[in-house]
Each structure stands twice: as structure tokens, then as C-alpha cells.
Amino acid sequence: MNLRAAEDESTAAAEIHIPAEIDWQMLDKSKFFFLGAALFSGVSAALYPIVVLKTRQQVSPTQLSCFNISFAILRHEGFRGFYRGFGTSLMGTIPARALYMTALEVTKSSVGSATFRLGFSDATAVTIANAAGGLSSAMAAQLVWTPIDVVSQRLMVQGSKNNPIIPNVGSRKYSGGIDAFRKILCSDGLRGLYRGFGISILTYAPSNAVWWASYSVAHRLIWGGLGCYVCRKNENGTINGCSSGGTRPDSKTVVAVQGVSASMASGVSALITMPLDTIKTRMQVLDGEENGRRALTIKQTVQNLVKEGGLGACYRGLGPRWASMSLSATTMITTYEFLKRLSTKNHESLGS
């Protein structure tokens, strides 16, 4: 049994038939990666300003609201200030997404089949497969994404000289992504580009595992509730909106359920992993050798955060991060499912 069959069986009881899961073997890989690069580049461009706000909040020594930061960027740096480091980030998004999607689909398919054979229930097997897929995909993507993240975040927090509200962080100045990459590599070596790699894994791997597991549970619960609602009996004793074989929701309903499930999963994931993300961002943004001191350790970073604002300082940027994760996840999952359907092989190739 595979994940596709599990999805069909898990919804049968609710008498509502949702589109079947598309497995890795069913995809046209060249179309999948080409369309994925284009679609996710657009998503990244739309959400990038929120990531800049989150990053600047996290590295600020004082508490600043999103409104104050946004106004300061717009006034002193112009609209381009919201896209500092975007070119570098975009360059890394394509290979990182390719690794992410490959690891996700291969792991989900393999773990899903294994858990079915071990005798787990369909719902449990799908949840485990999603969690394992999220874990492995995050770890694979960080191999590419960590150096890109270090460089792009350095550029994000490099504000204008005339911006009194958002000062520059760190002693070095960069003229662009290539310049930042070269200076970090020369001063700190490869280790500088992978600063925060360990805590990135600790942040994104559990975050992705929690997200995909939560998404699977929320997705199933919402469809179960809709099945009970849509297929309830009306006053005449007939099934309202359901034929004898059940009902098939339209595409708008499918997208809406995916979006709500993604938003719920993002809320859970953001709350659990926010302190780790703040620590990671600060470690990656600070210069390797600043004012004659070595780069701060995780312990020193946490101590500085607590001194600045107590435990609440670890949650600076929670609003933008939650918004970013919710919007990104909602857009990502709907785009991702749409991408998979666009990339599905035709019936002839499936039968061959």
C-alpha cells in the first residue's frame, strides 16, 4: 500500500473524496524541477520583505515594532531596503528547493511504504511519513542554504548610513553578495559560511518535522469535519450534496483546506522553534572577529538576549516570523500541490 491509497481510504469514512496523493514515481522530474524553480522564485520574491523585517527585529539590541522598522527602511533606504540580499537569496533558493523537494518526496514515499508494512494505521503512517519527510528535507536543504542564509542576512541588516533607527550590525561593509561571500571566506574560512549550521539543523529539522506532521493531522481533521458537514442529511432524509458514492469537492475547497491546514501547522511550528531561530540569526549575522573578540557561542548569545529583554527577547520577530511562515507555508503548499499536478506523468507513461 502507498500514500496515495492511504489518503483515499482515510477519507472514505467521511464520504468525501479528496484528490489522491501524488507519489514521487508519478512525477515528470524535469518538469517538476523546472516549474518548481519558477514558481518558488516568485513566492520568495513576494515574501522577502517580511523576512527582512523579522531578521532586523531579531538582531536589534532594543525592541522595535514592525511599523517603526518598516517606516525607517522606507524613509531612509527606499523600497530597495526591503530587498537587501534578495539576489543572493534567490540564487540559493533554486538548488535548496530542488534538494528539499527531492528529499521530501523520496522519504515520504519510502517511509510511508515501510510503516504500512509494519502494520501502522493509515492515518498514523501518513503522519509519520510526513514528519520523516520534513526532517530529511530540511537537513538536505541546509547543506546549500546555510551559506546563502549567512550572506543574505548580513546584507539584510546592513542599513543605510542615514538610518538612525536601524543601525548597521557588525563592523564589515559589503557591496553585494559576491563581496560578502569573498570577505567572509577570506576572514573566517569555510567555517564562517557555515556558522550556525548546527543550530540551523536544530531549528529547521524539528520545525519541518513538526510542520509536516501537524499539516497532515490538520488536513485530515478538516476534511473529516467537512465530510460530516457536507454529507449530513437534510429534512427530507436525503444526503445533502452527496451522491451514493460520496462527493468530490471543487478546486477552491481543496485550496482553502490546504491553506488553513498550512496556517495551523505554521503556528505550532513557529511557537516551538522561535528562540532557536533568533539565536541562529544572531550567530550568523555577527562578524567572526568583531572588536578583537571571537564570534559568540550559543551560550553567550542566549545570555546576551536574556540581558537585553529577558526570555521575551528570544521571541523578537515572532509576529513577522509567524506571518512569514503562515503566508509562505500557505503559498508553498498550494503551489507545491499545484506543481505536482502539473508535473504528473500522463496515464500512458504511468502504465508503461
Protein backbone atom coordinates (compact mmCIF):
# COMPACT_ATOMS: atom_id res chain seq x y z
CA MET A 1 0.00 0.00 0.00
CA ASN A 2 1.24 3.53 -0.73
CA LEU A 3 0.45 7.04 0.49
CA ARG A 4 -2.00 7.60 -2.33
CA ALA A 5 -4.08 4.62 -1.30
CA ALA A 6 -3.90 5.68 2.34
CA GLU A 7 -5.32 9.12 1.57
CA ASP A 8 -8.20 7.56 -0.35
CA GLU A 9 -9.01 5.11 2.46
CA SER A 10 -8.72 7.69 5.25
CA THR A 11 -11.35 9.90 3.58
CA ALA A 12 -13.74 7.13 2.60
CA ALA A 13 -15.38 7.05 6.03
CA ALA A 14 -16.29 10.71 5.74
CA GLU A 15 -17.90 10.08 2.30
CA ILE A 16 -15.91 12.88 0.73
CA HIS A 17 -13.29 12.17 -1.90
CA ILE A 18 -10.30 14.50 -1.99
CA PRO A 19 -7.70 14.41 -4.79
CA ALA A 20 -5.33 11.48 -4.32
CA GLU A 21 -1.75 11.95 -3.15
CA ILE A 22 0.77 12.08 -5.99
CA ASP A 23 3.80 9.88 -5.32
CA TRP A 24 7.40 10.53 -6.39
CA GLN A 25 7.19 7.81 -9.06
CA MET A 26 4.25 9.57 -10.71
CA LEU A 27 6.14 12.82 -11.41
CA ASP A 28 7.85 14.01 -14.56
CA LYS A 29 11.08 15.06 -12.82
CA SER A 30 12.34 17.56 -15.44
CA LYS A 31 9.01 19.40 -15.49
CA PHE A 32 8.77 19.19 -11.69
CA PHE A 33 12.13 20.91 -11.11
CA PHE A 34 11.82 23.47 -13.92
CA LEU A 35 8.33 24.63 -12.95
CA GLY A 36 9.27 24.44 -9.26
CA ALA A 37 12.20 26.82 -9.73
CA ALA A 38 9.97 29.37 -11.45
CA LEU A 39 7.03 29.12 -9.05
CA PHE A 40 9.05 29.22 -5.83
CA SER A 41 11.22 32.08 -7.06
CA GLY A 42 8.04 34.13 -7.38
CA VAL A 43 6.90 33.09 -3.90
CA SER A 44 10.28 34.06 -2.42
CA ALA A 45 10.14 37.49 -4.06
CA ALA A 46 6.67 38.19 -2.66
CA LEU A 47 7.54 37.21 0.92
CA TYR A 48 11.11 38.53 1.14
CA PRO A 49 10.26 41.91 2.79
CA ILE A 50 8.71 40.07 5.76
CA VAL A 51 11.90 38.04 6.19
CA VAL A 52 13.92 41.29 6.23
CA LEU A 53 11.67 42.72 8.97
CA LYS A 54 11.99 39.55 11.06
CA THR A 55 15.77 39.48 10.73
CA ARG A 56 16.19 43.14 11.69
CA GLN A 57 13.96 42.69 14.71
CA GLN A 58 15.96 39.68 15.86
CA VAL A 59 19.35 41.40 15.72
CA SER A 60 18.20 44.74 17.16
CA PRO A 61 19.53 45.37 20.69
CA THR A 62 16.21 47.03 21.58
CA GLN A 63 12.60 46.13 20.95
CA LEU A 64 11.35 47.75 17.74
CA SER A 65 7.90 47.34 16.23
CA CYS A 66 7.39 46.18 12.66
CA PHE A 67 5.79 49.55 11.84
CA ASN A 68 8.81 51.54 13.07
CA ILE A 69 11.25 49.32 11.20
CA SER A 70 9.18 49.43 8.01
CA PHE A 71 8.83 53.22 8.17
CA ALA A 72 12.56 53.67 8.84
CA ILE A 73 13.55 51.41 5.93
CA LEU A 74 11.16 53.14 3.54
CA ARG A 75 12.22 56.64 4.61
CA HIS A 76 15.99 56.20 4.76
CA GLU A 77 16.69 53.31 2.39
CA GLY A 78 13.78 53.35 -0.01
CA PHE A 79 11.85 50.35 -1.30
CA ARG A 80 15.12 48.63 -2.20
CA GLY A 81 15.85 48.34 1.51
CA PHE A 82 13.21 45.61 1.76
CA TYR A 83 15.12 43.55 -0.81
CA ARG A 84 18.68 43.72 0.50
CA GLY A 85 20.35 40.39 -0.21
CA PHE A 86 17.48 39.14 -2.36
CA GLY A 87 19.69 38.31 -5.35
CA THR A 88 21.91 36.13 -3.18
CA SER A 89 18.90 34.51 -1.55
CA LEU A 90 17.31 33.77 -4.93
CA MET A 91 20.49 32.11 -6.19
CA GLY A 92 20.37 29.70 -3.26
CA THR A 93 16.61 29.14 -3.33
CA ILE A 94 16.63 27.13 -6.56
CA PRO A 95 19.18 24.41 -5.62
CA ALA A 96 18.00 24.36 -1.99
CA ARG A 97 14.38 23.86 -3.09
CA ALA A 98 15.43 21.13 -5.50
CA LEU A 99 17.18 19.24 -2.70
CA TYR A 100 14.27 19.91 -0.36
CA MET A 101 11.59 18.61 -2.73
CA THR A 102 13.61 15.55 -3.72
CA ALA A 103 14.36 14.52 -0.13
CA LEU A 104 10.76 15.23 0.90
CA GLU A 105 9.11 13.12 -1.78
CA VAL A 106 11.59 10.23 -1.69
CA THR A 107 11.42 10.00 2.12
CA LYS A 108 7.63 10.25 2.26
CA SER A 109 7.26 7.50 -0.31
CA SER A 110 9.85 5.18 1.31
CA VAL A 111 8.80 5.72 4.93
CA GLY A 112 5.11 5.55 4.01
CA SER A 113 5.52 2.13 2.40
CA ALA A 114 7.63 0.87 5.33
CA THR A 115 5.16 1.99 8.01
CA PHE A 116 2.26 0.32 6.19
CA ARG A 117 4.19 -2.94 6.10
CA LEU A 118 4.88 -2.62 9.84
CA GLY A 119 1.13 -2.57 10.49
CA PHE A 120 0.55 1.07 11.42
CA SER A 121 -2.89 2.52 10.76
CA ASP A 122 -3.30 4.60 7.61
CA ALA A 123 -3.58 7.91 9.48
CA THR A 124 -0.55 7.17 11.68
CA ALA A 125 1.53 6.00 8.73
CA VAL A 126 0.79 9.16 6.72
CA THR A 127 1.67 11.38 9.72
CA ILE A 128 4.96 9.52 10.34
CA ALA A 129 5.85 9.67 6.65
CA ASN A 130 5.19 13.43 6.54
CA ALA A 131 7.26 14.05 9.68
CA ALA A 132 10.17 11.97 8.36
CA GLY A 133 9.96 13.77 5.02
CA GLY A 134 10.07 17.16 6.70
CA LEU A 135 13.05 16.14 8.81
CA SER A 136 15.16 14.78 5.95
CA SER A 137 14.27 17.58 3.52
CA ALA A 138 15.30 20.29 5.98
CA MET A 139 18.64 18.61 6.68
CA ALA A 140 19.36 18.21 2.95
CA ALA A 141 18.42 21.80 2.09
CA GLN A 142 20.62 23.28 4.84
CA LEU A 143 23.75 22.00 3.08
CA VAL A 144 23.09 24.62 0.40
CA TRP A 145 21.01 27.11 2.31
CA THR A 146 23.22 27.86 5.34
CA PRO A 147 25.98 29.71 3.39
CA ILE A 148 23.31 31.59 1.40
CA ASP A 149 21.49 32.43 4.62
CA VAL A 150 24.67 33.78 6.24
CA VAL A 151 25.45 36.06 3.29
CA SER A 152 21.89 37.26 2.63
CA GLN A 153 21.25 38.02 6.31
CA ARG A 154 24.46 40.06 6.54
CA LEU A 155 23.15 42.13 3.64
CA MET A 156 19.64 42.37 5.15
CA VAL A 157 20.84 44.08 8.31
CA GLN A 158 23.29 46.37 6.51
CA GLY A 159 21.16 49.51 6.65
CA SER A 160 21.70 52.95 5.26
CA LYS A 161 24.25 55.28 6.93
CA ASN A 162 21.45 57.82 7.35
CA ASN A 163 19.12 55.43 9.15
CA PRO A 164 19.25 56.32 12.89
CA ILE A 165 16.60 53.81 13.92
CA ILE A 166 18.17 50.70 12.39
CA PRO A 167 21.96 50.88 12.77
CA ASN A 168 24.33 48.59 10.90
CA VAL A 169 25.13 45.35 12.68
CA GLY A 170 28.75 44.22 12.58
CA SER A 171 31.90 46.05 11.60
CA ARG A 172 32.19 44.99 7.98
CA LYS A 173 30.53 46.62 4.97
CA TYR A 174 29.59 44.68 1.86
CA SER A 175 28.92 45.95 -1.64
CA GLY A 176 26.93 42.88 -2.62
CA GLY A 177 26.54 39.14 -2.28
CA ILE A 178 29.79 38.21 -4.04
CA ASP A 179 31.74 40.75 -1.98
CA ALA A 180 30.22 39.43 1.26
CA PHE A 181 30.94 35.83 0.24
CA ARG A 182 34.58 36.69 -0.55
CA LYS A 183 35.18 38.67 2.67
CA ILE A 184 33.59 36.03 4.92
CA LEU A 185 35.58 33.27 3.21
CA CYS A 186 38.86 35.22 3.47
CA SER A 187 38.45 36.19 7.13
CA ASP A 188 36.67 33.17 8.60
CA GLY A 189 37.18 30.44 6.03
CA LEU A 190 34.53 27.89 5.07
CA ARG A 191 33.57 27.72 8.73
CA GLY A 192 32.37 31.32 8.53
CA LEU A 193 29.94 30.48 5.72
CA TYR A 194 28.59 27.57 7.75
CA ARG A 195 28.30 29.50 11.01
CA GLY A 196 25.12 28.40 12.75
CA PHE A 197 24.84 25.22 10.65
CA GLY A 198 24.34 23.05 13.72
CA ILE A 199 21.67 25.24 15.24
CA SER A 200 20.09 25.66 11.78
CA ILE A 201 19.64 21.90 11.69
CA LEU A 202 18.27 22.01 15.25
CA THR A 203 15.88 24.77 14.18
CA TYR A 204 14.68 23.73 10.75
CA ALA A 205 14.75 19.93 11.01
CA PRO A 206 12.36 19.72 14.03
CA SER A 207 10.40 22.69 12.66
CA ASN A 208 9.82 20.93 9.35
CA ALA A 209 9.05 17.63 11.04
CA VAL A 210 6.51 19.33 13.33
CA TRP A 211 5.09 21.32 10.41
CA TRP A 212 4.52 18.38 8.08
CA ALA A 213 3.15 16.17 10.87
CA SER A 214 0.83 18.97 12.06
CA TYR A 215 -0.22 19.69 8.50
CA SER A 216 -1.11 16.04 7.94
CA VAL A 217 -3.20 15.90 11.13
CA ALA A 218 -4.91 19.26 10.49
CA HIS A 219 -5.59 18.32 6.86
CA ARG A 220 -7.23 15.06 7.88
CA LEU A 221 -9.28 16.65 10.69
CA ILE A 222 -10.60 19.45 8.47
CA TRP A 223 -11.60 17.07 5.70
CA GLY A 224 -13.27 14.83 8.27
CA GLY A 225 -15.25 17.78 9.59
CA LEU A 226 -16.20 18.89 6.09
CA GLY A 227 -17.25 15.37 5.24
CA CYS A 228 -19.63 15.28 8.19
CA TYR A 229 -20.97 18.74 7.31
CA VAL A 230 -21.37 18.35 3.55
CA CYS A 231 -22.80 14.86 3.73
CA ARG A 232 -25.30 15.47 6.52
CA LYS A 233 -28.94 14.56 5.95
CA ASN A 234 -31.44 17.30 5.22
CA GLU A 235 -35.06 17.47 6.33
CA ASN A 236 -36.24 15.15 3.54
CA GLY A 237 -33.90 12.39 4.59
CA THR A 238 -31.70 12.65 1.50
CA ILE A 239 -27.99 13.26 1.57
CA ASN A 240 -27.30 16.94 1.13
CA GLY A 241 -24.63 17.43 -1.53
CA CYS A 242 -23.62 13.75 -1.61
CA SER A 243 -24.29 11.07 -4.17
CA SER A 244 -24.36 7.41 -3.21
CA GLY A 245 -20.63 7.22 -3.81
CA GLY A 246 -19.82 10.36 -1.84
CA THR A 247 -18.96 13.84 -3.06
CA ARG A 248 -15.92 15.43 -4.69
CA PRO A 249 -15.01 18.95 -3.54
CA ASP A 250 -14.21 21.63 -6.09
CA SER A 251 -10.71 23.06 -6.53
CA LYS A 252 -11.47 26.16 -4.41
CA THR A 253 -12.41 23.99 -1.44
CA VAL A 254 -9.26 21.90 -1.84
CA VAL A 255 -7.06 25.03 -1.89
CA ALA A 256 -8.89 26.54 1.10
CA VAL A 257 -8.41 23.40 3.20
CA GLN A 258 -4.73 23.24 2.25
CA GLY A 259 -4.27 26.90 3.20
CA VAL A 260 -5.98 26.61 6.59
CA SER A 261 -4.07 23.41 7.39
CA ALA A 262 -0.78 25.09 6.48
CA SER A 263 -1.54 28.14 8.62
CA MET A 264 -2.40 25.99 11.65
CA ALA A 265 0.78 23.95 11.23
CA SER A 266 2.85 27.13 10.92
CA GLY A 267 1.52 28.49 14.21
CA VAL A 268 2.55 25.36 16.08
CA SER A 269 5.97 25.24 14.44
CA ALA A 270 6.75 28.95 14.93
CA LEU A 271 5.99 28.89 18.66
CA ILE A 272 8.15 25.83 19.27
CA THR A 273 11.22 26.89 17.30
CA MET A 274 11.25 30.73 17.57
CA PRO A 275 14.01 31.00 20.25
CA LEU A 276 16.31 28.76 18.22
CA ASP A 277 15.70 30.85 15.10
CA THR A 278 16.59 34.06 16.96
CA ILE A 279 19.82 32.55 18.30
CA LYS A 280 20.72 31.21 14.85
CA THR A 281 20.13 34.58 13.18
CA ARG A 282 22.32 36.46 15.67
CA MET A 283 25.16 33.95 15.35
CA GLN A 284 25.07 34.15 11.56
CA VAL A 285 24.86 37.94 11.33
CA LEU A 286 27.64 38.92 13.76
CA ASP A 287 31.15 39.19 12.35
CA GLY A 288 33.58 36.36 13.07
CA GLU A 289 36.12 38.69 14.65
CA GLU A 290 34.49 41.84 15.93
CA ASN A 291 36.24 44.33 18.20
CA GLY A 292 39.02 41.82 18.84
CA ARG A 293 36.65 39.15 20.17
CA ARG A 294 35.85 35.75 18.76
CA ALA A 295 32.37 35.05 17.48
CA LEU A 296 29.84 34.46 20.24
CA THR A 297 28.92 30.92 21.22
CA ILE A 298 25.33 29.71 21.61
CA LYS A 299 25.57 30.13 25.40
CA GLN A 300 26.89 33.71 25.13
CA THR A 301 24.23 34.60 22.56
CA VAL A 302 21.48 33.36 24.86
CA GLN A 303 22.97 35.26 27.83
CA ASN A 304 23.06 38.48 25.80
CA LEU A 305 19.46 38.04 24.72
CA VAL A 306 18.28 37.45 28.28
CA LYS A 307 20.19 40.54 29.46
CA GLU A 308 18.59 42.66 26.74
CA GLY A 309 15.00 41.70 27.40
CA GLY A 310 14.60 38.51 29.37
CA LEU A 311 13.04 35.43 27.81
CA GLY A 312 10.85 37.68 25.68
CA ALA A 313 13.92 38.80 23.71
CA CYS A 314 14.19 35.27 22.31
CA TYR A 315 10.77 35.83 20.75
CA ARG A 316 11.60 39.10 19.00
CA GLY A 317 10.30 38.92 15.46
CA LEU A 318 7.67 36.29 16.35
CA GLY A 319 4.94 38.31 14.64
CA PRO A 320 6.76 38.65 11.30
CA ARG A 321 8.05 35.07 11.51
CA TRP A 322 4.57 33.70 12.19
CA ALA A 323 3.16 35.81 9.36
CA SER A 324 6.03 34.83 7.09
CA MET A 325 5.69 31.13 7.92
CA SER A 326 1.90 31.18 7.52
CA LEU A 327 1.96 33.07 4.23
CA SER A 328 4.94 31.11 2.97
CA ALA A 329 3.50 27.76 4.03
CA THR A 330 0.05 28.51 2.65
CA THR A 331 1.51 29.69 -0.64
CA MET A 332 4.08 26.90 -0.65
CA ILE A 333 1.69 24.02 -0.07
CA THR A 334 -0.92 25.24 -2.56
CA THR A 335 1.82 25.99 -5.11
CA TYR A 336 3.52 22.69 -4.33
CA GLU A 337 0.36 20.63 -4.79
CA PHE A 338 -0.41 22.58 -7.98
CA LEU A 339 3.15 21.95 -9.17
CA LYS A 340 2.85 18.22 -8.52
CA ARG A 341 -0.35 18.03 -10.54
CA LEU A 342 1.20 19.99 -13.40
CA SER A 343 4.18 17.62 -13.33
CA THR A 344 2.24 14.35 -13.17
CA LYS A 345 3.05 11.89 -15.94
CA ASN A 346 0.24 11.05 -18.35
CA HIS A 347 -1.66 7.82 -17.99
CA GLU A 348 0.25 6.14 -20.81
CA SER A 349 3.62 6.70 -19.19
CA LEU A 350 2.27 5.59 -15.84
CA GLY A 351 1.14 2.31 -17.30
CA SER A 352 4.45 1.64 -19.04
